[in-house]
PDB file of N, CA and C in Angstrom:
ATOM      1  N   MET A   1     -42.815  50.288  15.997  1.00  0.00           N
ATOM      2  CA  MET A   1     -41.613  50.626  16.728  1.00  0.00           C
ATOM      3  C   MET A   1     -41.398  49.545  17.763  1.00  0.00           C
ATOM      4  N   SER A   2     -40.366  48.762  17.608  1.00  0.00           N
ATOM      5  CA  SER A   2     -40.187  47.611  18.479  1.00  0.00           C
ATOM      6  C   SER A   2     -39.338  47.949  19.687  1.00  0.00           C
ATOM      7  N   CYS A   3     -39.959  48.013  20.824  1.00  0.00           N
ATOM      8  CA  CYS A   3     -39.268  48.150  22.100  1.00  0.00           C
ATOM      9  C   CYS A   3     -38.383  49.377  22.186  1.00  0.00           C
ATOM     10  N   ARG A   4     -38.668  50.417  21.455  1.00  0.00           N
ATOM     11  CA  ARG A   4     -37.870  51.627  21.546  1.00  0.00           C
ATOM     12  C   ARG A   4     -38.759  52.772  21.936  1.00  0.00           C
ATOM     13  N   TYR A   5     -38.144  53.878  22.217  1.00  0.00           N
ATOM     14  CA  TYR A   5     -38.841  55.086  22.556  1.00  0.00           C
ATOM     15  C   TYR A   5     -38.507  56.091  21.489  1.00  0.00           C
ATOM     16  N   SER A   6     -39.190  57.194  21.486  1.00  0.00           N
ATOM     17  CA  SER A   6     -38.951  58.206  20.470  1.00  0.00           C
ATOM     18  C   SER A   6     -39.369  59.554  21.005  1.00  0.00           C
ATOM     19  N   ARG A   7     -38.753  60.604  20.484  1.00  0.00           N
ATOM     20  CA  ARG A   7     -39.139  61.950  20.875  1.00  0.00           C
ATOM     21  C   ARG A   7     -40.592  62.221  20.499  1.00  0.00           C
ATOM     22  N   VAL A   8     -41.126  61.463  19.566  1.00  0.00           N
ATOM     23  CA  VAL A   8     -42.495  61.664  19.125  1.00  0.00           C
ATOM     24  C   VAL A   8     -43.484  61.186  20.180  1.00  0.00           C
ATOM     25  N   MET A   9     -43.091  60.204  20.953  1.00  0.00           N
ATOM     26  CA  MET A   9     -43.994  59.646  21.960  1.00  0.00           C
ATOM     27  C   MET A   9     -44.047  60.551  23.177  1.00  0.00           C
ATOM     28  N   SER A  10     -45.191  60.606  23.796  1.00  0.00           N
ATOM     29  CA  SER A  10     -45.300  61.433  24.989  1.00  0.00           C
ATOM     30  C   SER A  10     -44.626  60.761  26.186  1.00  0.00           C
ATOM     31  N   GLN A  11     -44.629  59.450  26.226  1.00  0.00           N
ATOM     32  CA  GLN A  11     -43.973  58.698  27.292  1.00  0.00           C
ATOM     33  C   GLN A  11     -43.030  57.692  26.647  1.00  0.00           C
ATOM     34  N   PRO A  12     -41.739  57.657  27.037  1.00  0.00           N
ATOM     35  CA  PRO A  12     -40.861  56.636  26.494  1.00  0.00           C
ATOM     36  C   PRO A  12     -41.366  55.254  26.892  1.00  0.00           C
ATOM     37  N   GLN A  13     -41.207  54.318  25.977  1.00  0.00           N
ATOM     38  CA  GLN A  13     -41.585  52.948  26.275  1.00  0.00           C
ATOM     39  C   GLN A  13     -40.405  52.258  26.927  1.00  0.00           C
ATOM     40  N   LEU A  14     -40.642  51.612  28.019  1.00  0.00           N
ATOM     41  CA  LEU A  14     -39.602  50.837  28.641  1.00  0.00           C
ATOM     42  C   LEU A  14     -39.651  49.447  28.044  1.00  0.00           C
ATOM     43  N   ALA A  15     -38.497  48.958  27.648  1.00  0.00           N
ATOM     44  CA  ALA A  15     -38.441  47.672  26.979  1.00  0.00           C
ATOM     45  C   ALA A  15     -37.918  46.609  27.930  1.00  0.00           C
ATOM     46  N   GLY A  16     -37.863  45.392  27.429  1.00  0.00           N
ATOM     47  CA  GLY A  16     -37.463  44.273  28.253  1.00  0.00           C
ATOM     48  C   GLY A  16     -35.995  44.222  28.601  1.00  0.00           C
ATOM     49  N   HIS A  17     -35.140  44.838  27.801  1.00  0.00           N
ATOM     50  CA  HIS A  17     -33.702  44.782  28.051  1.00  0.00           C
ATOM     51  C   HIS A  17     -33.282  45.915  28.978  1.00  0.00           C
ATOM     52  N   PRO A  18     -32.396  45.633  29.914  1.00  0.00           N
ATOM     53  CA  PRO A  18     -31.973  46.679  30.846  1.00  0.00           C
ATOM     54  C   PRO A  18     -31.384  47.914  30.162  1.00  0.00           C
ATOM     55  N   TYR A  19     -30.622  47.717  29.070  1.00  0.00           N
ATOM     56  CA  TYR A  19     -30.044  48.885  28.409  1.00  0.00           C
ATOM     57  C   TYR A  19     -31.130  49.774  27.818  1.00  0.00           C
ATOM     58  N   GLN A  20     -32.218  49.176  27.337  1.00  0.00           N
ATOM     59  CA  GLN A  20     -33.311  49.966  26.778  1.00  0.00           C
ATOM     60  C   GLN A  20     -34.035  50.739  27.869  1.00  0.00           C
ATOM     61  N   ALA A  21     -34.219  50.109  29.017  1.00  0.00           N
ATOM     62  CA  ALA A  21     -34.861  50.797  30.139  1.00  0.00           C
ATOM     63  C   ALA A  21     -33.987  51.960  30.607  1.00  0.00           C
ATOM     64  N   LEU A  22     -32.674  51.744  30.653  1.00  0.00           N
ATOM     65  CA  LEU A  22     -31.760  52.802  31.067  1.00  0.00           C
ATOM     66  C   LEU A  22     -31.776  53.946  30.039  1.00  0.00           C
ATOM     67  N   ALA A  23     -31.718  53.605  28.773  1.00  0.00           N
ATOM     68  CA  ALA A  23     -31.762  54.627  27.721  1.00  0.00           C
ATOM     69  C   ALA A  23     -33.078  55.401  27.787  1.00  0.00           C
ATOM     70  N   ALA A  24     -34.174  54.705  28.019  1.00  0.00           N
ATOM     71  CA  ALA A  24     -35.482  55.367  28.103  1.00  0.00           C
ATOM     72  C   ALA A  24     -35.556  56.313  29.298  1.00  0.00           C
ATOM     73  N   SER A  25     -34.951  55.912  30.422  1.00  0.00           N
ATOM     74  CA  SER A  25     -35.002  56.789  31.598  1.00  0.00           C
ATOM     75  C   SER A  25     -34.169  58.054  31.363  1.00  0.00           C
ATOM     76  N   ILE A  26     -33.048  57.923  30.669  1.00  0.00           N
ATOM     77  CA  ILE A  26     -32.241  59.097  30.340  1.00  0.00           C
ATOM     78  C   ILE A  26     -32.975  59.968  29.327  1.00  0.00           C
ATOM     79  N   ALA A  27     -33.597  59.338  28.343  1.00  0.00           N
ATOM     80  CA  ALA A  27     -34.360  60.092  27.339  1.00  0.00           C
ATOM     81  C   ALA A  27     -35.496  60.872  27.985  1.00  0.00           C
ATOM     82  N   LYS A  28     -36.132  60.271  28.970  1.00  0.00           N
ATOM     83  CA  LYS A  28     -37.213  60.953  29.677  1.00  0.00           C
ATOM     84  C   LYS A  28     -36.700  62.207  30.377  1.00  0.00           C
ATOM     85  N   LYS A  29     -35.500  62.117  30.965  1.00  0.00           N
ATOM     86  CA  LYS A  29     -34.892  63.281  31.613  1.00  0.00           C
ATOM     87  C   LYS A  29     -34.551  64.365  30.587  1.00  0.00           C
ATOM     88  N   ILE A  30     -34.139  63.943  29.409  1.00  0.00           N
ATOM     89  CA  ILE A  30     -33.835  64.906  28.342  1.00  0.00           C
ATOM     90  C   ILE A  30     -35.123  65.577  27.876  1.00  0.00           C
ATOM     91  N   ASP A  31     -36.152  64.780  27.635  1.00  0.00           N
ATOM     92  CA  ASP A  31     -37.437  65.330  27.174  1.00  0.00           C
ATOM     93  C   ASP A  31     -38.050  66.279  28.201  1.00  0.00           C
ATOM     94  N   SER A  32     -37.844  65.995  29.488  1.00  0.00           N
ATOM     95  CA  SER A  32     -38.435  66.840  30.530  1.00  0.00           C
ATOM     96  C   SER A  32     -37.633  68.124  30.756  1.00  0.00           C
ATOM     97  N   GLY A  33     -36.428  68.164  30.197  1.00  0.00           N
ATOM     98  CA  GLY A  33     -35.586  69.342  30.381  1.00  0.00           C
ATOM     99  C   GLY A  33     -34.657  69.231  31.578  1.00  0.00           C
ATOM    100  N   GLU A  34     -34.752  68.132  32.298  1.00  0.00           N
ATOM    101  CA  GLU A  34     -33.854  67.923  33.439  1.00  0.00           C
ATOM    102  C   GLU A  34     -32.401  67.856  32.966  1.00  0.00           C
ATOM    103  N   LEU A  35     -32.193  67.240  31.811  1.00  0.00           N
ATOM    104  CA  LEU A  35     -30.879  67.217  31.157  1.00  0.00           C
ATOM    105  C   LEU A  35     -30.978  68.087  29.916  1.00  0.00           C
ATOM    106  N   LYS A  36     -30.018  68.957  29.723  1.00  0.00           N
ATOM    107  CA  LYS A  36     -30.080  69.968  28.655  1.00  0.00           C
ATOM    108  C   LYS A  36     -29.132  69.639  27.508  1.00  0.00           C
ATOM    109  N   PRO A  37     -29.499  70.084  26.278  1.00  0.00           N
ATOM    110  CA  PRO A  37     -28.607  69.906  25.138  1.00  0.00           C
ATOM    111  C   PRO A  37     -27.241  70.510  25.421  1.00  0.00           C
ATOM    112  N   GLY A  38     -26.205  69.782  25.027  1.00  0.00           N
ATOM    113  CA  GLY A  38     -24.838  70.232  25.246  1.00  0.00           C
ATOM    114  C   GLY A  38     -24.203  69.658  26.497  1.00  0.00           C
ATOM    115  N   GLU A  39     -25.028  69.187  27.433  1.00  0.00           N
ATOM    116  CA  GLU A  39     -24.482  68.601  28.657  1.00  0.00           C
ATOM    117  C   GLU A  39     -23.808  67.273  28.341  1.00  0.00           C
ATOM    118  N   LYS A  40     -22.760  66.994  29.069  1.00  0.00           N
ATOM    119  CA  LYS A  40     -22.050  65.734  28.903  1.00  0.00           C
ATOM    120  C   LYS A  40     -22.748  64.664  29.743  1.00  0.00           C
ATOM    121  N   LEU A  41     -22.949  63.521  29.131  1.00  0.00           N
ATOM    122  CA  LEU A  41     -23.500  62.378  29.861  1.00  0.00           C
ATOM    123  C   LEU A  41     -22.353  61.696  30.608  1.00  0.00           C
ATOM    124  N   PRO A  42     -22.676  60.931  31.638  1.00  0.00           N
ATOM    125  CA  PRO A  42     -21.612  60.227  32.369  1.00  0.00           C
ATOM    126  C   PRO A  42     -20.857  59.269  31.442  1.00  0.00           C
ATOM    127  N   SER A  43     -19.621  58.958  31.831  1.00  0.00           N
ATOM    128  CA  SER A  43     -18.843  57.967  31.090  1.00  0.00           C
ATOM    129  C   SER A  43     -19.520  56.607  31.234  1.00  0.00           C
ATOM    130  N   VAL A  44     -19.088  55.654  30.419  1.00  0.00           N
ATOM    131  CA  VAL A  44     -19.646  54.304  30.501  1.00  0.00           C
ATOM    132  C   VAL A  44     -19.467  53.755  31.924  1.00  0.00           C
ATOM    133  N   ARG A  45     -18.257  53.872  32.448  1.00  0.00           N
ATOM    134  CA  ARG A  45     -18.006  53.353  33.797  1.00  0.00           C
ATOM    135  C   ARG A  45     -18.791  54.124  34.846  1.00  0.00           C
ATOM    136  N   GLY A  46     -18.847  55.447  34.689  1.00  0.00           N
ATOM    137  CA  GLY A  46     -19.595  56.263  35.645  1.00  0.00           C
ATOM    138  C   GLY A  46     -21.071  55.940  35.632  1.00  0.00           C
ATOM    139  N   LEU A  47     -21.633  55.780  34.437  1.00  0.00           N
ATOM    140  CA  LEU A  47     -23.052  55.448  34.313  1.00  0.00           C
ATOM    141  C   LEU A  47     -23.332  54.066  34.887  1.00  0.00           C
ATOM    142  N   ALA A  48     -22.440  53.118  34.606  1.00  0.00           N
ATOM    143  CA  ALA A  48     -22.616  51.757  35.118  1.00  0.00           C
ATOM    144  C   ALA A  48     -22.623  51.759  36.646  1.00  0.00           C
ATOM    145  N   LYS A  49     -21.676  52.483  37.232  1.00  0.00           N
ATOM    146  CA  LYS A  49     -21.591  52.535  38.692  1.00  0.00           C
ATOM    147  C   LYS A  49     -22.802  53.256  39.281  1.00  0.00           C
ATOM    148  N   GLU A  50     -23.155  54.388  38.680  1.00  0.00           N
ATOM    149  CA  GLU A  50     -24.279  55.200  39.163  1.00  0.00           C
ATOM    150  C   GLU A  50     -25.602  54.437  39.107  1.00  0.00           C
ATOM    151  N   GLN A  51     -25.798  53.648  38.047  1.00  0.00           N
ATOM    152  CA  GLN A  51     -27.070  52.940  37.855  1.00  0.00           C
ATOM    153  C   GLN A  51     -27.053  51.489  38.336  1.00  0.00           C
ATOM    154  N   GLY A  52     -25.894  51.009  38.751  1.00  0.00           N
ATOM    155  CA  GLY A  52     -25.795  49.638  39.231  1.00  0.00           C
ATOM    156  C   GLY A  52     -25.973  48.609  38.127  1.00  0.00           C
ATOM    157  N   VAL A  53     -25.445  48.919  36.952  1.00  0.00           N
ATOM    158  CA  VAL A  53     -25.527  47.997  35.815  1.00  0.00           C
ATOM    159  C   VAL A  53     -24.116  47.677  35.337  1.00  0.00           C
ATOM    160  N   SER A  54     -24.004  46.716  34.450  1.00  0.00           N
ATOM    161  CA  SER A  54     -22.688  46.368  33.911  1.00  0.00           C
ATOM    162  C   SER A  54     -22.232  47.455  32.931  1.00  0.00           C
ATOM    163  N   PRO A  55     -20.933  47.567  32.730  1.00  0.00           N
ATOM    164  CA  PRO A  55     -20.442  48.529  31.738  1.00  0.00           C
ATOM    165  C   PRO A  55     -21.001  48.268  30.340  1.00  0.00           C
ATOM    166  N   MET A  56     -21.221  47.006  29.999  1.00  0.00           N
ATOM    167  CA  MET A  56     -21.787  46.674  28.682  1.00  0.00           C
ATOM    168  C   MET A  56     -23.203  47.236  28.558  1.00  0.00           C
ATOM    169  N   THR A  57     -23.990  47.127  29.614  1.00  0.00           N
ATOM    170  CA  THR A  57     -25.350  47.681  29.609  1.00  0.00           C
ATOM    171  C   THR A  57     -25.306  49.192  29.473  1.00  0.00           C
ATOM    172  N   ALA A  58     -24.404  49.829  30.189  1.00  0.00           N
ATOM    173  CA  ALA A  58     -24.265  51.288  30.103  1.00  0.00           C
ATOM    174  C   ALA A  58     -23.849  51.701  28.703  1.00  0.00           C
ATOM    175  N   GLN A  59     -22.887  50.972  28.122  1.00  0.00           N
ATOM    176  CA  GLN A  59     -22.424  51.285  26.763  1.00  0.00           C
ATOM    177  C   GLN A  59     -23.559  51.152  25.762  1.00  0.00           C
ATOM    178  N   LYS A  60     -24.330  50.080  25.868  1.00  0.00           N
ATOM    179  CA  LYS A  60     -25.436  49.871  24.941  1.00  0.00           C
ATOM    180  C   LYS A  60     -26.502  50.962  25.105  1.00  0.00           C
ATOM    181  N   ALA A  61     -26.735  51.396  26.337  1.00  0.00           N
ATOM    182  CA  ALA A  61     -27.717  52.465  26.573  1.00  0.00           C
ATOM    183  C   ALA A  61     -27.255  53.767  25.926  1.00  0.00           C
ATOM    184  N   LEU A  62     -25.986  54.109  26.085  1.00  0.00           N
ATOM    185  CA  LEU A  62     -25.456  55.329  25.477  1.00  0.00           C
ATOM    186  C   LEU A  62     -25.486  55.238  23.948  1.00  0.00           C
ATOM    187  N   THR A  63     -25.147  54.076  23.434  1.00  0.00           N
ATOM    188  CA  THR A  63     -25.200  53.876  21.980  1.00  0.00           C
ATOM    189  C   THR A  63     -26.633  54.010  21.482  1.00  0.00           C
ATOM    190  N   GLN A  64     -27.581  53.461  22.232  1.00  0.00           N
ATOM    191  CA  GLN A  64     -28.998  53.570  21.853  1.00  0.00           C
ATOM    192  C   GLN A  64     -29.443  55.026  21.829  1.00  0.00           C
ATOM    193  N   LEU A  65     -29.032  55.794  22.827  1.00  0.00           N
ATOM    194  CA  LEU A  65     -29.376  57.218  22.865  1.00  0.00           C
ATOM    195  C   LEU A  65     -28.812  57.947  21.647  1.00  0.00           C
ATOM    196  N   ALA A  66     -27.585  57.608  21.277  1.00  0.00           N
ATOM    197  CA  ALA A  66     -26.978  58.224  20.090  1.00  0.00           C
ATOM    198  C   ALA A  66     -27.718  57.800  18.825  1.00  0.00           C
ATOM    199  N   ASP A  67     -28.055  56.528  18.718  1.00  0.00           N
ATOM    200  CA  ASP A  67     -28.786  56.027  17.547  1.00  0.00           C
ATOM    201  C   ASP A  67     -30.140  56.701  17.404  1.00  0.00           C
ATOM    202  N   ASP A  68     -30.770  57.024  18.526  1.00  0.00           N
ATOM    203  CA  ASP A  68     -32.104  57.614  18.504  1.00  0.00           C
ATOM    204  C   ASP A  68     -32.085  59.143  18.475  1.00  0.00           C
ATOM    205  N   GLY A  69     -30.883  59.728  18.402  1.00  0.00           N
ATOM    206  CA  GLY A  69     -30.787  61.172  18.252  1.00  0.00           C
ATOM    207  C   GLY A  69     -30.814  61.972  19.539  1.00  0.00           C
ATOM    208  N   TYR A  70     -30.719  61.309  20.662  1.00  0.00           N
ATOM    209  CA  TYR A  70     -30.714  62.015  21.945  1.00  0.00           C
ATOM    210  C   TYR A  70     -29.314  62.469  22.336  1.00  0.00           C
ATOM    211  N   ALA A  71     -28.308  61.827  21.797  1.00  0.00           N
ATOM    212  CA  ALA A  71     -26.933  62.140  22.174  1.00  0.00           C
ATOM    213  C   ALA A  71     -26.034  61.933  20.965  1.00  0.00           C
ATOM    214  N   GLU A  72     -24.858  62.521  21.065  1.00  0.00           N
ATOM    215  CA  GLU A  72     -23.844  62.274  20.047  1.00  0.00           C
ATOM    216  C   GLU A  72     -22.533  61.991  20.756  1.00  0.00           C
ATOM    217  N   VAL A  73     -21.727  61.173  20.122  1.00  0.00           N
ATOM    218  CA  VAL A  73     -20.442  60.839  20.712  1.00  0.00           C
ATOM    219  C   VAL A  73     -19.386  61.733  20.071  1.00  0.00           C
ATOM    220  N   VAL A  74     -18.556  62.287  20.908  1.00  0.00           N
ATOM    221  CA  VAL A  74     -17.419  63.079  20.447  1.00  0.00           C
ATOM    222  C   VAL A  74     -16.179  62.277  20.806  1.00  0.00           C
ATOM    223  N   ALA A  75     -15.449  61.865  19.775  1.00  0.00           N
ATOM    224  CA  ALA A  75     -14.297  60.991  19.973  1.00  0.00           C
ATOM    225  C   ALA A  75     -13.363  61.557  21.040  1.00  0.00           C
ATOM    226  N   GLY A  76     -13.041  60.726  21.986  1.00  0.00           N
ATOM    227  CA  GLY A  76     -12.118  61.093  23.047  1.00  0.00           C
ATOM    228  C   GLY A  76     -12.726  61.915  24.173  1.00  0.00           C
ATOM    229  N   LEU A  77     -13.949  62.389  23.995  1.00  0.00           N
ATOM    230  CA  LEU A  77     -14.574  63.226  25.023  1.00  0.00           C
ATOM    231  C   LEU A  77     -15.793  62.588  25.667  1.00  0.00           C
ATOM    232  N   GLY A  78     -16.514  61.753  24.934  1.00  0.00           N
ATOM    233  CA  GLY A  78     -17.682  61.094  25.498  1.00  0.00           C
ATOM    234  C   GLY A  78     -18.969  61.441  24.779  1.00  0.00           C
ATOM    235  N   TYR A  79     -20.084  61.209  25.461  1.00  0.00           N
ATOM    236  CA  TYR A  79     -21.423  61.423  24.900  1.00  0.00           C
ATOM    237  C   TYR A  79     -21.990  62.742  25.404  1.00  0.00           C
ATOM    238  N   PHE A  80     -22.594  63.487  24.495  1.00  0.00           N
ATOM    239  CA  PHE A  80     -23.200  64.769  24.820  1.00  0.00           C
ATOM    240  C   PHE A  80     -24.643  64.771  24.335  1.00  0.00           C
ATOM    241  N   ILE A  81     -25.513  65.420  25.095  1.00  0.00           N
ATOM    242  CA  ILE A  81     -26.923  65.517  24.740  1.00  0.00           C
ATOM    243  C   ILE A  81     -27.046  66.441  23.530  1.00  0.00           C
ATOM    244  N   THR A  82     -27.846  66.026  22.559  1.00  0.00           N
ATOM    245  CA  THR A  82     -28.018  66.818  21.340  1.00  0.00           C
ATOM    246  C   THR A  82     -29.239  67.718  21.444  1.00  0.00           C
ATOM    247  N   GLN A  83     -29.242  68.718  20.596  1.00  0.00           N
ATOM    248  CA  GLN A  83     -30.402  69.609  20.470  1.00  0.00           C
ATOM    249  C   GLN A  83     -31.509  68.813  19.794  1.00  0.00           C
ATOM    250  N   PRO A  84     -32.719  68.819  20.318  1.00  0.00           N
ATOM    251  CA  PRO A  84     -33.800  68.080  19.669  1.00  0.00           C
ATOM    252  C   PRO A  84     -34.018  68.582  18.250  1.00  0.00           C
ATOM    253  N   GLN A  85     -34.177  67.632  17.330  1.00  0.00           N
ATOM    254  CA  GLN A  85     -34.453  67.984  15.943  1.00  0.00           C
ATOM    255  C   GLN A  85     -35.929  68.309  15.800  1.00  0.00           C
ATOM    256  N   PRO A  86     -36.242  69.323  14.979  1.00  0.00           N
ATOM    257  CA  PRO A  86     -37.659  69.609  14.768  1.00  0.00           C
ATOM    258  C   PRO A  86     -38.334  68.389  14.153  1.00  0.00           C
ATOM    259  N   GLN A  87     -39.517  68.109  14.638  1.00  0.00           N
ATOM    260  CA  GLN A  87     -40.234  66.944  14.143  1.00  0.00           C
ATOM    261  C   GLN A  87     -40.942  67.296  12.844  1.00  0.00           C
ATOM    262  N   SER A  88     -40.935  66.336  11.930  1.00  0.00           N
ATOM    263  CA  SER A  88     -41.644  66.567  10.679  1.00  0.00           C
ATOM    264  C   SER A  88     -43.140  66.516  10.959  1.00  0.00           C
ATOM    265  N   GLN A  89     -43.899  67.075  10.053  1.00  0.00           N
ATOM    266  CA  GLN A  89     -45.349  67.088  10.216  1.00  0.00           C
ATOM    267  C   GLN A  89     -45.892  65.665  10.291  1.00  0.00           C
ATOM    268  N   ASP A  90     -45.269  64.731   9.528  1.00  0.00           N
ATOM    269  CA  ASP A  90     -45.725  63.343   9.551  1.00  0.00           C
ATOM    270  C   ASP A  90     -45.559  62.725  10.941  1.00  0.00           C
ATOM    271  N   GLU A  91     -44.492  63.081  11.652  1.00  0.00           N
ATOM    272  CA  GLU A  91     -44.297  62.541  12.989  1.00  0.00           C
ATOM    273  C   GLU A  91     -45.314  63.121  13.962  1.00  0.00           C
ATOM    274  N   LEU A  92     -45.690  64.381  13.750  1.00  0.00           N
ATOM    275  CA  LEU A  92     -46.620  65.031  14.658  1.00  0.00           C
ATOM    276  C   LEU A  92     -48.055  64.583  14.413  1.00  0.00           C
ATOM    277  N   ASP A  93     -48.394  64.289  13.170  1.00  0.00           N
ATOM    278  CA  ASP A  93     -49.760  63.918  12.841  1.00  0.00           C
ATOM    279  C   ASP A  93     -49.756  62.706  11.911  1.00  0.00           C
ATOM    280  N   PRO A  94     -49.696  61.500  12.478  1.00  0.00           N
ATOM    281  CA  PRO A  94     -49.615  60.299  11.650  1.00  0.00           C
ATOM    282  C   PRO A  94     -50.849  60.082  10.779  1.00  0.00           C
ATOM    283  N   ILE A  95     -51.998  60.568  11.183  1.00  0.00           N
ATOM    284  CA  ILE A  95     -53.205  60.409  10.365  1.00  0.00           C
ATOM    285  C   ILE A  95     -53.056  61.199   9.072  1.00  0.00           C
ATOM    286  N   GLN A  96     -52.533  62.420   9.169  1.00  0.00           N
ATOM    287  CA  GLN A  96     -52.292  63.222   7.960  1.00  0.00           C
ATOM    288  C   GLN A  96     -51.286  62.525   7.055  1.00  0.00           C
ATOM    289  N   ALA A  97     -50.280  61.901   7.634  1.00  0.00           N
ATOM    290  CA  ALA A  97     -49.277  61.185   6.844  1.00  0.00           C
ATOM    291  C   ALA A  97     -49.924  60.050   6.064  1.00  0.00           C
ATOM    292  N   VAL A  98     -50.829  59.329   6.702  1.00  0.00           N
ATOM    293  CA  VAL A  98     -51.528  58.231   6.028  1.00  0.00           C
ATOM    294  C   VAL A  98     -52.388  58.777   4.892  1.00  0.00           C
ATOM    295  N   HIS A  99     -53.070  59.892   5.137  1.00  0.00           N
ATOM    296  CA  HIS A  99     -53.892  60.494   4.092  1.00  0.00           C
ATOM    297  C   HIS A  99     -53.038  60.902   2.895  1.00  0.00           C
ATOM    298  N   ARG A 100     -51.851  61.473   3.152  1.00  0.00           N
ATOM    299  CA  ARG A 100     -50.958  61.858   2.055  1.00  0.00           C
ATOM    300  C   ARG A 100     -50.493  60.640   1.281  1.00  0.00           C
ATOM    301  N   GLN A 101     -50.204  59.553   1.987  1.00  0.00           N
ATOM    302  CA  GLN A 101     -49.777  58.325   1.314  1.00  0.00           C
ATOM    303  C   GLN A 101     -50.904  57.755   0.466  1.00  0.00           C
ATOM    304  N   ILE A 102     -52.122  57.790   0.976  1.00  0.00           N
ATOM    305  CA  ILE A 102     -53.274  57.303   0.202  1.00  0.00           C
ATOM    306  C   ILE A 102     -53.466  58.162  -1.043  1.00  0.00           C
ATOM    307  N   ASP A 103     -53.360  59.488  -0.905  1.00  0.00           N
ATOM    308  CA  ASP A 103     -53.484  60.375  -2.063  1.00  0.00           C
ATOM    309  C   ASP A 103     -52.424  60.058  -3.106  1.00  0.00           C
ATOM    310  N   ALA A 104     -51.197  59.823  -2.659  1.00  0.00           N
ATOM    311  CA  ALA A 104     -50.111  59.502  -3.593  1.00  0.00           C
ATOM    312  C   ALA A 104     -50.381  58.177  -4.299  1.00  0.00           C
ATOM    313  N   LEU A 105     -50.892  57.196  -3.558  1.00  0.00           N
ATOM    314  CA  LEU A 105     -51.225  55.906  -4.169  1.00  0.00           C
ATOM    315  C   LEU A 105     -52.355  56.052  -5.191  1.00  0.00           C
ATOM    316  N   GLN A 106     -53.369  56.840  -4.863  1.00  0.00           N
ATOM    317  CA  GLN A 106     -54.474  57.049  -5.795  1.00  0.00           C
ATOM    318  C   GLN A 106     -53.987  57.727  -7.067  1.00  0.00           C
ATOM    319  N   ALA A 107     -53.094  58.691  -6.935  1.00  0.00           N
ATOM    320  CA  ALA A 107     -52.544  59.370  -8.112  1.00  0.00           C
ATOM    321  C   ALA A 107     -51.733  58.394  -8.958  1.00  0.00           C
ATOM    322  N   ALA A 108     -50.958  57.534  -8.309  1.00  0.00           N
ATOM    323  CA  ALA A 108     -50.160  56.545  -9.036  1.00  0.00           C
ATOM    324  C   ALA A 108     -51.062  55.556  -9.764  1.00  0.00           C
ATOM    325  N   ILE A 109     -52.138  55.140  -9.125  1.00  0.00           N
ATOM    326  CA  ILE A 109     -53.084  54.211  -9.754  1.00  0.00           C
ATOM    327  C   ILE A 109     -53.747  54.870 -10.963  1.00  0.00           C
ATOM    328  N   ALA A 110     -54.140  56.125 -10.829  1.00  0.00           N
ATOM    329  CA  ALA A 110     -54.755  56.840 -11.953  1.00  0.00           C
ATOM    330  C   ALA A 110     -53.769  56.958 -13.110  1.00  0.00           C
ATOM    331  N   ASP A 111     -52.520  57.231 -12.813  1.00  0.00           N
ATOM    332  CA  ASP A 111     -51.498  57.336 -13.852  1.00  0.00           C
ATOM    333  C   ASP A 111     -51.318  56.000 -14.563  1.00  0.00           C
ATOM    334  N   ILE A 112     -51.264  54.921 -13.803  1.00  0.00           N
ATOM    335  CA  ILE A 112     -51.121  53.586 -14.396  1.00  0.00           C
ATOM    336  C   ILE A 112     -52.337  53.249 -15.250  1.00  0.00           C
ATOM    337  N   ALA A 113     -53.518  53.598 -14.775  1.00  0.00           N
ATOM    338  CA  ALA A 113     -54.741  53.329 -15.548  1.00  0.00           C
ATOM    339  C   ALA A 113     -54.694  54.059 -16.894  1.00  0.00           C
ATOM    340  N   GLN A 114     -54.234  55.312 -16.904  1.00  0.00           N
ATOM    341  CA  GLN A 114     -54.122  56.059 -18.156  1.00  0.00           C
ATOM    342  C   GLN A 114     -53.103  55.414 -19.083  1.00  0.00           C
ATOM    343  N   ARG A 115     -52.012  54.960 -18.563  1.00  0.00           N
ATOM    344  CA  ARG A 115     -50.988  54.303 -19.383  1.00  0.00           C
ATOM    345  C   ARG A 115     -51.524  53.016 -19.997  1.00  0.00           C
ATOM    346  N   VAL A 116     -52.263  52.241 -19.206  1.00  0.00           N
ATOM    347  CA  VAL A 116     -52.851  50.995 -19.702  1.00  0.00           C
ATOM    348  C   VAL A 116     -53.832  51.293 -20.817  1.00  0.00           C
ATOM    349  N   GLU A 117     -54.669  52.341 -20.635  1.00  0.00           N
ATOM    350  CA  GLU A 117     -55.619  52.725 -21.691  1.00  0.00           C
ATOM    351  C   GLU A 117     -54.901  53.073 -22.979  1.00  0.00           C
ATOM    352  N   ARG A 118     -53.820  53.850 -22.889  1.00  0.00           N
ATOM    353  CA  ARG A 118     -53.056  54.226 -24.077  1.00  0.00           C
ATOM    354  C   ARG A 118     -52.455  53.004 -24.744  1.00  0.00           C
ATOM    355  N   LEU A 119     -51.900  52.080 -23.928  1.00  0.00           N
ATOM    356  CA  LEU A 119     -51.307  50.874 -24.502  1.00  0.00           C
ATOM    357  C   LEU A 119     -52.358  49.990 -25.149  1.00  0.00           C
ATOM    358  N   GLU A 120     -53.514  49.874 -24.543  1.00  0.00           N
ATOM    359  CA  GLU A 120     -54.594  49.058 -25.121  1.00  0.00           C
ATOM    360  C   GLU A 120     -55.097  49.711 -26.409  1.00  0.00           C
ATOM    361  N   GLY A 121     -55.109  51.029 -26.466  1.00  0.00           N
ATOM    362  CA  GLY A 121     -55.528  51.738 -27.676  1.00  0.00           C
ATOM    363  C   GLY A 121     -54.565  51.516 -28.829  1.00  0.00           C
ATOM    364  N   ARG A 122     -53.304  51.321 -28.555  1.00  0.00           N
ATOM    365  CA  ARG A 122     -52.292  51.100 -29.577  1.00  0.00           C
ATOM    366  C   ARG A 122     -52.437  49.719 -30.197  1.00  0.00           C
ATOM    367  N   SER A 123     -52.893  48.732 -29.424  1.00  0.00           N
ATOM    368  CA  SER A 123     -52.955  47.370 -29.915  1.00  0.00           C
ATOM    369  C   SER A 123     -54.167  47.105 -30.807  1.00  0.00           C
ATOM    370  N   ASP A 124     -55.128  48.030 -30.875  1.00  0.00           N
ATOM    371  CA  ASP A 124     -56.345  47.825 -31.685  1.00  0.00           C
ATOM    372  C   ASP A 124     -56.081  47.980 -33.144  1.00  0.00           C
TER     373      ASP A 124
END
């Protein structure tokens, strides 16, 4: 995960770009419950003024929040905090996800080995 934060992480990662740091600070407020699903986020201009950043930085931060599932944009109305999506088991337990992937790979290898045996048996 390059310079982004995620609901899966216990602490948002602050990245080198100001918009990412701003998005991470808002995400942290959402994760802590300080900001609730359904609440309207400030406008681009309001956020820029409130945080002392350029409107472009504020816009990119809001877009990042929407891209990461923390907010959604409603045309003509602005950005609203979204209801957190339930996390998949793979997101909650990455070790189990790796084990499942290894099992799937082993099954695929066994299947290929059987196919090769059958093909080699045909050529005799």
